[in-house]
């Protein structure tokens, strides 16, 4: 892994750090509980900014603008495939998470100089686009849409929430080695005329997600001007139900 980006300072003169943690595979409901706790801790100033990297078991999540008819499987069909369904507080429509994805949940205090939701989403896209290019995967933005695209197909979805005090949660999902057939269970992000792809599909080989994670951390530090440091999973789950 590249050396961490140098520590940067806000206009208050304080160094901004980002604690990065790889959590492994985490059930979606547990990730919601964890994010809620970390958001409260970040708002209270007891922890630094966080970046949680993980994957989920098969799950469909519905954002605040989701339509029920964008979920194409009924309860029985989802049960047979082992797909859970959750309403969630993030923005956006319907999306799928599952093995082979790299999911990132930044818990950031955007104050004082980044209190701009549009800029925040564009910065997340920039991080993902730079990381994909490190693997020779060329991506772009699509005007009027959120996320990262390879041609006419979405490779990364973004759905965020910004709570009071400009504290972020939820985040992004990059398709690395994802089984794309599971996206047939939904209308991804409510968009019917575009497809979904993955790094593995474009490169025609499996991609090491650990290496992808390293590049995301590197670019996240640069784009968001944070000094990235590691944090053990046992620390952030110390008061929770899941141990890793």
Protein backbone atom coordinates (compact mmCIF):
# COMPACT_ATOMS: atom_id res chain seq x y z
CA UNK A 1 0.00 0.00 0.00
CA UNK A 2 1.18 3.52 -0.75
CA UNK A 3 2.26 5.63 2.16
CA UNK A 4 -0.61 7.51 3.72
CA UNK A 5 -1.24 11.05 2.43
CA UNK A 6 0.43 13.72 4.53
CA UNK A 7 -1.56 15.21 7.37
CA UNK A 8 -3.51 18.27 6.33
CA UNK A 9 -4.80 21.13 8.40
CA UNK A 10 -8.13 22.89 8.41
CA UNK A 11 -8.24 26.66 8.46
CA UNK A 12 -8.46 26.35 12.26
CA UNK A 13 -4.94 24.89 12.20
CA UNK A 14 -6.01 21.43 13.41
CA UNK A 15 -4.85 18.27 11.65
CA UNK A 16 -7.73 16.32 10.10
CA UNK A 17 -7.43 12.54 10.39
CA UNK A 18 -9.50 9.67 9.02
CA UNK A 19 -9.69 6.35 10.86
CA UNK A 20 -10.04 3.53 8.30
CA UNK A 21 -11.42 0.13 9.28
CA UNK A 22 -12.00 -3.03 7.27
CA UNK A 23 -14.96 -4.83 8.84
CA UNK A 24 -15.35 -7.84 6.57
CA UNK A 25 -18.88 -9.11 5.91
CA UNK A 26 -21.45 -7.35 8.07
CA UNK A 27 -25.25 -7.89 8.10
CA UNK A 28 -26.99 -4.77 6.90
CA UNK A 29 -28.98 -4.14 10.08
CA UNK A 30 -25.79 -4.29 12.16
CA UNK A 31 -24.16 -1.74 9.88
CA UNK A 32 -27.08 0.64 10.45
CA UNK A 33 -26.71 0.34 14.21
CA UNK A 34 -22.96 0.88 13.98
CA UNK A 35 -23.30 3.94 11.78
CA UNK A 36 -25.89 5.49 14.10
CA UNK A 37 -23.56 5.08 17.06
CA UNK A 38 -20.54 6.46 15.22
CA UNK A 39 -22.53 9.43 13.90
CA UNK A 40 -23.48 10.32 17.49
CA UNK A 41 -19.87 9.92 18.64
CA UNK A 42 -18.57 12.02 15.75
CA UNK A 43 -21.13 14.74 16.43
CA UNK A 44 -20.03 14.76 20.06
CA UNK A 45 -16.39 15.03 19.08
CA UNK A 46 -15.29 11.85 20.87
CA UNK A 47 -13.95 10.22 17.67
CA UNK A 48 -12.25 11.39 14.49
CA UNK A 49 -13.69 11.03 11.00
CA UNK A 50 -14.23 7.39 10.03
CA UNK A 51 -14.20 5.33 6.84
CA UNK A 52 -15.76 1.88 7.21
CA UNK A 53 -14.97 -0.59 4.42
CA UNK A 54 -17.00 -3.79 4.28
CA UNK A 55 -19.30 -6.02 2.30
CA UNK A 56 -22.84 -7.16 2.99
CA UNK A 57 -24.66 -10.46 2.56
CA UNK A 58 -27.29 -10.31 -0.20
CA UNK A 59 -29.59 -7.39 0.56
CA UNK A 60 -31.83 -4.93 -1.27
CA UNK A 61 -31.97 -1.46 0.26
CA UNK A 62 -34.58 1.18 -0.43
CA UNK A 63 -33.67 4.85 -0.20
CA UNK A 64 -35.91 7.76 0.61
CA UNK A 65 -37.09 8.12 -3.01
CA UNK A 66 -37.48 4.37 -3.69
CA UNK A 67 -40.54 2.95 -5.41
CA UNK A 68 -41.87 -0.47 -4.41
CA UNK A 69 -42.28 -1.53 -8.05
CA UNK A 70 -38.51 -1.19 -8.48
CA UNK A 71 -38.16 -4.37 -6.39
CA UNK A 72 -38.93 -7.11 -8.89
CA UNK A 73 -39.06 -10.14 -6.55
CA UNK A 74 -41.76 -10.91 -4.03
CA UNK A 75 -41.06 -12.06 -0.46
CA UNK A 76 -41.00 -15.75 -1.36
CA UNK A 77 -38.63 -15.26 -4.29
CA UNK A 78 -36.26 -13.17 -2.19
CA UNK A 79 -36.31 -15.77 0.58
CA UNK A 80 -35.37 -18.51 -1.89
CA UNK A 81 -32.37 -16.46 -3.02
CA UNK A 82 -31.42 -15.39 0.50
CA UNK A 83 -31.94 -11.70 -0.18
CA UNK A 84 -33.01 -9.44 2.67
CA UNK A 85 -34.94 -6.19 2.18
CA UNK A 86 -34.46 -2.98 4.20
CA UNK A 87 -35.80 0.55 4.17
CA UNK A 88 -32.99 2.93 4.93
CA UNK A 89 -32.48 6.60 5.65
CA UNK A 90 -30.08 7.30 2.79
CA UNK A 91 -30.98 9.20 -0.33
CA UNK A 92 -31.70 7.56 -3.65
CA UNK A 93 -33.81 4.70 -4.95
CA UNK A 94 -33.33 0.92 -4.81
CA UNK A 95 -29.96 -0.79 -4.84
CA UNK A 96 -28.43 -4.20 -4.19
CA UNK A 97 -25.49 -5.10 -1.95
CA UNK A 98 -23.79 -8.46 -1.79
CA UNK A 99 -20.58 -10.45 -1.76
CA UNK A 100 -17.88 -9.16 -4.08
CA UNK A 101 -18.81 -5.52 -3.60
CA UNK A 102 -16.68 -3.03 -1.76
CA UNK A 103 -18.95 -0.87 0.39
CA UNK A 104 -17.71 2.31 2.05
CA UNK A 105 -19.46 4.24 4.81
CA UNK A 106 -17.71 7.55 5.58
CA UNK A 107 -18.67 9.08 8.93
CA UNK A 108 -17.33 12.59 8.39
CA UNK A 109 -17.82 15.98 9.96
CA UNK A 110 -18.04 18.20 6.89
CA UNK A 111 -17.70 21.38 8.93
CA UNK A 112 -16.29 23.92 8.51
CA UNK A 113 -15.25 23.98 4.86
CA UNK A 114 -17.20 21.18 3.13
CA UNK A 115 -20.83 21.96 4.01
CA UNK A 116 -22.01 21.29 0.47
CA UNK A 117 -23.91 18.06 -0.28
CA UNK A 118 -23.38 18.31 -4.03
CA UNK A 119 -19.63 18.72 -3.58
CA UNK A 120 -19.56 15.79 -1.14
CA UNK A 121 -21.19 13.42 -3.63
CA UNK A 122 -18.94 14.61 -6.47
CA UNK A 123 -15.89 14.05 -4.24
CA UNK A 124 -17.00 10.47 -3.50
CA UNK A 125 -17.35 9.90 -7.24
CA UNK A 126 -13.85 11.30 -7.76
CA UNK A 127 -12.37 8.89 -5.23
CA UNK A 128 -13.98 5.90 -6.94
CA UNK A 129 -13.06 7.04 -10.44
CA UNK A 130 -9.40 7.47 -9.48
CA UNK A 131 -9.33 4.07 -7.77
CA UNK A 132 -10.89 2.34 -10.80
CA UNK A 133 -8.38 3.98 -13.14
CA UNK A 134 -5.54 2.50 -11.08
CA UNK A 135 -6.77 -0.86 -12.44
CA UNK A 136 -7.13 0.44 -16.00
CA UNK A 137 -10.89 0.77 -15.66
CA UNK A 138 -11.94 4.05 -17.25
CA UNK A 139 -15.07 5.55 -15.73
CA UNK A 140 -17.05 8.75 -15.92
CA UNK A 141 -19.97 10.68 -14.51
CA UNK A 142 -23.34 10.91 -16.24
CA UNK A 143 -25.06 14.27 -16.21
CA UNK A 144 -28.15 14.22 -14.05
CA UNK A 145 -27.22 10.92 -12.39
CA UNK A 146 -25.34 10.01 -9.23
CA UNK A 147 -22.63 7.37 -9.15
CA UNK A 148 -19.81 6.19 -11.38
CA UNK A 149 -20.30 4.76 -14.85
CA UNK A 150 -18.35 2.68 -17.36
CA UNK A 151 -19.96 3.51 -20.67
CA UNK A 152 -23.71 2.98 -20.30
CA UNK A 153 -23.38 0.80 -17.21
CA UNK A 154 -23.13 1.79 -13.55
CA UNK A 155 -20.14 0.38 -11.69
CA UNK A 156 -20.59 2.22 -8.40
CA UNK A 157 -23.68 3.49 -6.61
CA UNK A 158 -23.74 6.35 -4.12
CA UNK A 159 -26.43 7.04 -1.56
CA UNK A 160 -25.65 9.27 1.39
CA UNK A 161 -27.23 10.85 4.42
CA UNK A 162 -26.10 14.05 6.09
CA UNK A 163 -27.41 14.45 9.63
CA UNK A 164 -27.62 17.53 11.81
CA UNK A 165 -24.22 19.04 12.36
CA UNK A 166 -23.15 18.06 8.83
CA UNK A 167 -22.22 14.50 9.86
CA UNK A 168 -22.31 12.00 7.00
CA UNK A 169 -23.33 8.34 6.91
CA UNK A 170 -24.12 5.65 4.32
CA UNK A 171 -21.90 6.07 1.26
CA UNK A 172 -20.86 4.06 -1.79
CA UNK A 173 -20.84 0.54 -3.22
CA UNK A 174 -18.28 -0.38 -5.88
CA UNK A 175 -18.89 -3.55 -7.89
CA UNK A 176 -15.58 -5.38 -7.84
CA UNK A 177 -16.29 -9.11 -8.21
CA UNK A 178 -20.05 -8.85 -7.73
CA UNK A 179 -22.39 -11.49 -9.18
CA UNK A 180 -24.32 -9.13 -11.42
CA UNK A 181 -27.24 -11.53 -11.84
CA UNK A 182 -28.57 -10.37 -8.47
CA UNK A 183 -29.23 -6.94 -9.94
CA UNK A 184 -31.99 -8.61 -11.97
CA UNK A 185 -34.02 -8.55 -8.75
CA UNK A 186 -34.38 -4.75 -8.89
CA UNK A 187 -34.47 -1.74 -11.17
CA UNK A 188 -31.03 -0.48 -10.08
CA UNK A 189 -31.29 3.05 -8.71
CA UNK A 190 -34.65 3.29 -10.50
CA UNK A 191 -32.93 3.57 -13.91
CA UNK A 192 -34.43 1.25 -16.52
CA UNK A 193 -32.43 2.19 -19.63
CA UNK A 194 -28.91 1.59 -18.31
CA UNK A 195 -27.08 -1.52 -17.14
CA UNK A 196 -24.80 -2.51 -14.29
CA UNK A 197 -21.23 -3.75 -14.51
CA UNK A 198 -18.24 -4.61 -12.32
CA UNK A 199 -14.49 -4.31 -12.43
CA UNK A 200 -14.23 -8.08 -12.91
CA UNK A 201 -16.67 -8.02 -15.84
CA UNK A 202 -14.77 -5.24 -17.57
CA UNK A 203 -11.31 -6.73 -16.95
CA UNK A 204 -12.49 -10.32 -17.50
CA UNK A 205 -10.76 -11.49 -14.35
CA UNK A 206 -11.28 -11.40 -10.61
CA UNK A 207 -9.83 -8.36 -8.89
CA UNK A 208 -8.22 -8.35 -5.44
CA UNK A 209 -10.62 -6.29 -3.32
CA UNK A 210 -7.91 -5.64 -0.75
CA UNK A 211 -5.89 -3.86 -3.41
CA UNK A 212 -8.95 -1.91 -4.51
CA UNK A 213 -9.58 -0.93 -0.89
CA UNK A 214 -6.01 0.32 -0.58
CA UNK A 215 -6.42 2.54 -3.62
CA UNK A 216 -9.73 3.89 -2.34
CA UNK A 217 -8.13 4.77 1.00
CA UNK A 218 -5.23 6.47 -0.77
CA UNK A 219 -7.45 8.59 -2.99
CA UNK A 220 -9.95 9.30 -0.22
CA UNK A 221 -7.16 10.82 1.82
CA UNK A 222 -6.05 12.99 -1.07
CA UNK A 223 -9.50 14.13 -2.25
CA UNK A 224 -10.83 14.84 1.25
CA UNK A 225 -7.49 16.14 2.56
CA UNK A 226 -7.30 13.74 5.48
CA UNK A 227 -4.40 11.87 7.03
CA UNK A 228 -5.55 8.23 6.98
CA UNK A 229 -4.81 5.91 9.89
CA UNK A 230 -5.90 2.38 10.74
CA UNK A 231 -8.40 1.44 13.42
CA UNK A 232 -9.00 -2.08 14.68
CA UNK A 233 -12.51 -3.52 14.19
CA UNK A 234 -12.54 -4.66 17.82
CA UNK A 235 -12.35 -1.02 18.90
CA UNK A 236 -15.43 0.21 17.07
CA UNK A 237 -17.44 -2.92 17.94
CA UNK A 238 -16.35 -2.88 21.59
CA UNK A 239 -19.82 -1.85 22.73
CA UNK A 240 -21.74 -3.70 20.02
CA UNK A 241 -22.92 -7.21 19.33
CA UNK A 242 -20.54 -8.10 16.51
CA UNK A 243 -16.89 -9.00 17.00
CA UNK A 244 -14.41 -9.47 14.16
